[in-house]
Protein backbone atom coordinates (compact mmCIF):
# COMPACT_ATOMS: atom_id res chain seq x y z
CA MET A 1 -2.82 47.53 93.31
CA ARG A 2 -5.47 47.74 96.31
CA ASP A 3 -4.94 50.41 99.04
CA GLY A 4 -3.01 49.02 101.66
CA SER A 5 -0.92 46.52 99.50
CA ILE A 6 2.69 46.50 100.42
CA VAL A 7 4.75 46.75 97.54
CA LYS A 8 8.01 46.67 99.09
CA LYS A 9 9.37 45.79 102.54
CA ILE A 10 12.72 46.31 103.96
CA LEU A 11 14.46 45.24 107.00
CA PHE A 12 14.94 48.33 109.42
CA PRO A 13 17.59 48.49 112.29
CA SER A 14 15.60 47.81 115.55
CA PRO A 15 16.40 49.40 119.12
CA ASN A 16 14.52 46.51 120.86
CA PRO A 17 15.47 42.71 120.32
CA ARG A 18 12.06 41.49 120.68
CA VAL A 19 10.62 43.63 117.77
CA GLU A 20 11.44 43.34 114.15
CA LEU A 21 11.30 46.75 112.40
CA TYR A 22 10.70 47.13 108.46
CA GLU A 23 10.19 50.22 106.16
CA VAL A 24 7.63 49.68 103.76
CA THR A 25 6.39 51.14 100.73
CA TYR A 26 2.46 50.77 100.29
CA ILE A 27 -0.48 51.78 98.43
CA SER A 28 -2.74 54.75 99.22
CA SER A 29 -4.89 56.30 96.50
CA GLY A 30 -2.70 55.07 93.92
CA LEU A 31 0.31 56.64 95.32
CA ARG A 32 3.44 54.69 96.66
CA VAL A 33 3.79 56.06 100.32
CA LYS A 34 6.00 54.94 103.08
CA GLY A 35 5.91 53.93 106.63
CA LEU A 36 7.43 51.78 109.30
CA LEU A 37 5.93 48.28 110.33
CA ALA A 38 7.04 46.75 113.77
CA GLU A 39 6.35 43.08 114.36
CA PRO A 40 6.84 41.54 117.76
CA VAL A 41 9.28 38.51 117.60
CA LEU A 42 6.94 36.53 119.56
CA LYS A 43 4.86 34.42 117.03
CA GLY A 44 1.21 34.35 117.11
CA LYS A 45 -1.55 36.73 116.32
CA HIS A 46 -1.68 39.92 117.85
CA ASP A 47 -3.77 43.01 118.19
CA ALA A 48 -2.78 45.76 115.24
CA PHE A 49 -1.82 49.25 116.28
CA LEU A 50 -1.93 52.20 113.63
CA TYR A 51 0.20 55.03 114.81
CA LEU A 52 -0.44 58.52 113.58
CA ARG A 53 2.32 60.94 114.06
CA GLY A 54 2.21 64.81 114.46
CA GLY A 55 3.77 67.62 112.67
CA ILE A 56 4.36 67.67 109.00
CA LYS A 57 7.38 67.08 106.85
CA GLY A 58 10.68 66.53 108.62
CA VAL A 59 8.79 67.94 111.78
CA GLY A 60 7.36 65.20 113.89
CA MET A 61 8.62 62.30 111.82
CA VAL A 62 8.16 58.62 113.15
CA ARG A 63 10.75 57.62 115.49
CA PRO A 64 11.61 54.02 115.12
CA ALA A 65 12.49 53.63 119.15
CA ARG A 66 8.48 54.86 119.70
CA ILE A 67 7.05 52.58 117.23
CA ALA A 68 9.13 49.70 118.90
CA GLN A 69 7.90 50.92 122.51
CA PHE A 70 4.22 50.24 121.38
CA ALA A 71 5.23 46.80 119.35
CA SER A 72 6.95 45.35 122.61
CA HIS A 73 3.67 45.80 124.48
CA GLY A 74 2.42 42.91 121.83
CA PHE A 75 1.06 44.94 118.83
CA ILE A 76 1.62 44.70 115.26
CA VAL A 77 2.45 48.45 114.47
CA PHE A 78 2.13 50.60 111.47
CA ALA A 79 3.20 54.28 111.20
CA PRO A 80 2.84 56.03 108.10
CA TYR A 81 5.20 58.66 107.08
CA TYR A 82 2.39 60.25 105.10
CA ARG A 83 2.68 60.87 101.52
CA GLY A 84 5.43 63.05 99.88
CA ASN A 85 7.85 62.17 102.84
CA LEU A 86 11.25 60.34 102.81
CA GLY A 87 10.72 59.18 99.16
CA GLY A 88 7.02 58.50 99.08
CA GLU A 89 4.74 60.33 96.35
CA GLY A 90 2.35 62.72 96.55
CA ASN A 91 2.15 65.73 98.63
CA GLU A 92 1.14 66.05 102.54
CA ASP A 93 -1.72 68.15 103.10
CA PHE A 94 -2.07 68.57 106.80
CA ALA A 95 -5.47 66.19 107.57
CA GLY A 96 -6.61 66.63 104.29
CA ASP A 97 -6.34 64.06 101.40
CA ASP A 98 -3.57 62.52 103.19
CA ARG A 99 -6.04 61.18 105.76
CA GLU A 100 -6.08 58.47 103.04
CA ASP A 101 -2.90 57.41 104.07
CA ALA A 102 -4.22 56.38 107.56
CA LEU A 103 -7.10 54.65 105.92
CA SER A 104 -5.02 52.69 103.79
CA GLY A 105 -2.72 51.69 106.68
CA VAL A 106 -5.82 50.33 108.45
CA GLU A 107 -6.14 47.97 105.24
CA LEU A 108 -2.33 47.27 105.38
CA LEU A 109 -2.96 45.98 108.99
CA LYS A 110 -6.08 44.09 108.28
CA ASN A 111 -4.16 42.25 105.59
CA HIS A 112 -1.18 41.41 107.68
CA PRO A 113 -1.05 37.64 108.18
CA ARG A 114 -0.32 37.95 112.06
CA THR A 115 -2.75 40.41 113.00
CA ASP A 116 -6.38 39.92 114.26
CA ARG A 117 -8.37 41.98 111.51
CA ASN A 118 -11.03 42.30 114.14
CA ARG A 119 -8.84 44.16 116.70
CA ILE A 120 -7.31 47.55 114.87
CA HIS A 121 -6.52 50.24 117.31
CA VAL A 122 -5.73 53.57 116.03
CA PHE A 123 -3.43 56.17 118.03
CA GLY A 124 -3.01 59.85 117.19
CA PHE A 125 -0.54 62.16 118.57
CA SER A 126 -0.45 66.16 118.32
CA ARG A 127 -1.76 66.59 114.48
CA GLY A 128 -2.18 62.78 114.34
CA GLY A 129 -5.24 63.31 116.81
CA VAL A 130 -7.34 64.80 114.02
CA MET A 131 -6.07 61.90 111.53
CA ALA A 132 -6.97 59.00 114.21
CA LEU A 133 -10.45 60.51 114.79
CA MET A 134 -11.13 60.81 111.06
CA THR A 135 -9.87 57.06 111.05
CA GLY A 136 -12.51 56.10 113.39
CA ILE A 137 -15.30 58.42 111.70
CA GLU A 138 -14.52 56.55 108.33
CA CYS A 139 -14.07 52.83 109.72
CA SER A 140 -16.84 51.69 111.81
CA ASP A 141 -15.14 48.61 112.81
CA ILE A 142 -12.01 50.23 114.55
CA THR A 143 -11.83 48.67 118.11
CA SER A 144 -10.17 51.75 119.98
CA ILE A 145 -8.86 55.20 119.56
CA VAL A 146 -6.34 57.17 121.92
CA THR A 147 -5.42 60.62 121.23
CA TRP A 148 -2.24 62.09 123.10
CA GLY A 149 -2.00 65.78 122.91
CA GLY A 150 -4.10 65.71 119.95
CA VAL A 151 -5.56 68.44 118.02
CA SER A 152 -9.28 68.12 117.49
CA ASP A 153 -10.20 71.67 115.97
CA MET A 154 -8.26 73.19 113.00
CA PHE A 155 -9.94 76.22 113.39
CA LEU A 156 -8.60 76.33 116.99
CA THR A 157 -5.14 75.31 115.79
CA TYR A 158 -4.85 78.41 113.20
CA GLU A 159 -6.04 80.70 115.99
CA GLU A 160 -3.54 79.59 118.58
CA ARG A 161 -0.43 78.58 116.67
CA ARG A 162 0.69 81.98 114.81
CA ASP A 163 3.67 80.16 114.00
CA LEU A 164 1.77 77.73 111.61
CA ARG A 165 -0.34 80.26 110.11
CA ARG A 166 1.50 80.50 106.79
CA MET A 167 1.88 76.84 106.34
CA MET A 168 -1.65 76.43 107.04
CA LYS A 169 -2.72 78.90 104.28
CA ARG A 170 -0.35 77.47 101.99
CA VAL A 171 -1.18 73.64 102.29
CA ILE A 172 -4.99 74.16 103.14
CA GLY A 173 -5.29 76.75 100.53
CA GLY A 174 -6.09 79.96 102.81
CA SER A 175 -6.95 81.14 106.19
CA PRO A 176 -10.33 80.04 107.95
CA ASN A 177 -12.14 83.38 106.80
CA LYS A 178 -11.37 82.48 103.38
CA VAL A 179 -11.97 78.69 103.52
CA PRO A 180 -13.86 77.61 106.34
CA GLU A 181 -15.16 74.52 104.43
CA ARG A 182 -11.72 73.11 104.20
CA TYR A 183 -11.00 73.89 107.96
CA GLU A 184 -14.42 72.22 108.88
CA TRP A 185 -13.55 69.30 106.77
CA ARG A 186 -10.50 68.97 109.08
CA THR A 187 -12.29 69.26 112.13
CA PRO A 188 -13.67 65.95 113.69
CA LEU A 189 -15.72 67.53 116.05
CA TYR A 190 -18.24 68.12 113.30
CA SER A 191 -18.61 64.36 112.46
CA LEU A 192 -18.29 62.40 115.65
CA GLU A 193 -21.90 61.44 115.23
CA LYS A 194 -20.38 58.71 113.13
CA LEU A 195 -17.89 57.38 115.55
CA GLU A 196 -18.39 54.18 117.29
CA ALA A 197 -14.92 53.20 118.79
CA PRO A 198 -14.39 54.24 122.39
CA VAL A 199 -12.03 57.08 122.76
CA LEU A 200 -9.01 57.63 125.23
CA ILE A 201 -7.70 61.29 125.69
CA ILE A 202 -4.57 62.08 127.16
CA HIS A 203 -3.23 65.69 127.55
CA GLY A 204 -0.96 67.87 129.52
CA GLU A 205 -2.66 70.93 130.79
CA LYS A 206 0.54 73.12 130.19
CA ASP A 207 0.58 72.13 126.45
CA GLN A 208 1.49 75.10 124.44
CA ASN A 209 1.72 73.04 121.14
CA VAL A 210 -1.92 71.96 121.31
CA SER A 211 -3.39 73.32 124.02
CA VAL A 212 -5.75 71.52 126.29
CA GLU A 213 -8.74 73.26 125.05
CA HIS A 214 -8.63 70.62 122.20
CA ALA A 215 -9.10 67.80 124.53
CA TYR A 216 -11.94 69.64 126.46
CA ARG A 217 -13.95 70.29 123.19
CA LEU A 218 -13.56 66.71 122.16
CA GLU A 219 -14.49 65.24 125.57
CA LYS A 220 -17.49 67.65 125.62
CA ARG A 221 -18.87 66.73 122.17
CA LEU A 222 -18.47 63.02 122.86
CA LYS A 223 -20.27 63.19 126.14
CA GLU A 224 -22.79 65.20 124.35
CA LEU A 225 -23.35 62.43 121.91
CA GLY A 226 -23.28 59.70 124.48
CA LYS A 227 -20.16 58.13 123.14
CA PRO A 228 -17.82 56.33 125.43
CA VAL A 229 -14.65 58.55 126.45
CA THR A 230 -12.07 58.32 129.05
CA SER A 231 -9.69 61.16 129.88
CA HIS A 232 -6.48 61.66 131.68
CA TYR A 233 -5.25 65.40 132.16
CA PHE A 234 -1.82 66.13 133.46
CA LYS A 235 -1.43 69.48 135.41
CA GLU A 236 2.10 69.53 135.54
CA PHE A 237 3.14 68.45 131.80
CA THR A 238 3.38 70.04 128.68
CA HIS A 239 3.35 68.57 124.94
CA TYR A 240 5.97 66.42 125.85
CA PHE A 241 6.12 63.97 128.89
CA PRO A 242 9.26 63.15 131.12
CA PRO A 243 10.32 59.52 130.09
CA ARG A 244 9.65 57.64 133.16
CA LYS A 245 5.96 59.17 133.15
CA ASN A 246 5.97 58.39 129.28
CA GLN A 247 6.39 54.80 129.78
CA GLN A 248 3.82 54.64 132.58
CA ILE A 249 1.34 56.15 130.06
CA VAL A 250 2.19 54.22 127.35
CA SER A 251 1.60 50.99 129.60
CA LEU A 252 -1.78 52.45 130.35
CA LEU A 253 -2.96 53.13 127.08
CA CYS A 254 -1.89 49.91 125.97
CA SER A 255 -3.68 47.88 128.69
CA TRP A 256 -6.87 49.96 128.07
CA MET A 257 -6.86 49.40 124.37
CA LYS A 258 -6.61 45.54 125.01
CA ASP A 259 -9.38 45.78 127.42
CA GLN A 260 -11.78 47.13 124.72
C-alpha cells in the first residue's frame, strides 16, 4: 500500500460536538502507524492541518482536545502518534526516520476527500518544530508552517537538556561529538534553502524546555535566506501558555494560516 493510505479508521470520543474524531492506522514507509484524525462536522472542503506533537513515546502524546480545538477553526487535522506508539509498528527515533510519519501524514491529508489538496498547513510543537520544518523542506507544496516552542537545532537541544542526553544518545546513536552527522541531519537550519512555505514562529522567552534561542536561530537563518517569516515572542511565558492566552494564540495562528 502507498504511504498515507488509511488501513483502519475507528470513531474516537470527541470533546467538541462540532468535531468528529477518529483514530486511524495508516501506512508510513511500509509500517502501520497510528494517529488521530479530526474532521469538522460542517460539510464541505476544508484546509488541511498536520499537527506534529512534541516529546517522545508517552511524553507529549497527542491530546484529543488539542486536535479538536484546531479542527473547530475549520481544518481537517491529522496528528501522527509517530511509529512505535500506542500499538503502531516501528521505533520512534526523534526526528530521524520517523519524519517519514509526517511526510506520509501529508499524503493522507492530500488524499482526504474533504481537503483542498493545495492547502496543506503544518504545525509543530516542541520537538515537532523540527518535524514541521523538515516536512516543509521535503514537500515544496506546503502552504504554511507554524512552529510553537519549537526545536530548530538538535545540537542545542543536546547542550541545553542534560536530562535528555541519555535518551538522545540511545535513540540517535551517540553524542554530537561522536556522530555529528546524525545531529546535523536532524537540524533543519542546515537545509532551509529548500524551504518554500512562509513560517510563523511562536515562542515564550522563559521557555526552559526549548530555549528561545532555537527561535532566534531559526528566524535569523530564514531572514538571511530571504524567506518569509513572522515571529511572536512572549516575555512572560514558558513552554506552556495559560489557557486564555493559548486560545488567543490558536485563533491568531489559524487566521494567519488561512491568509497564506
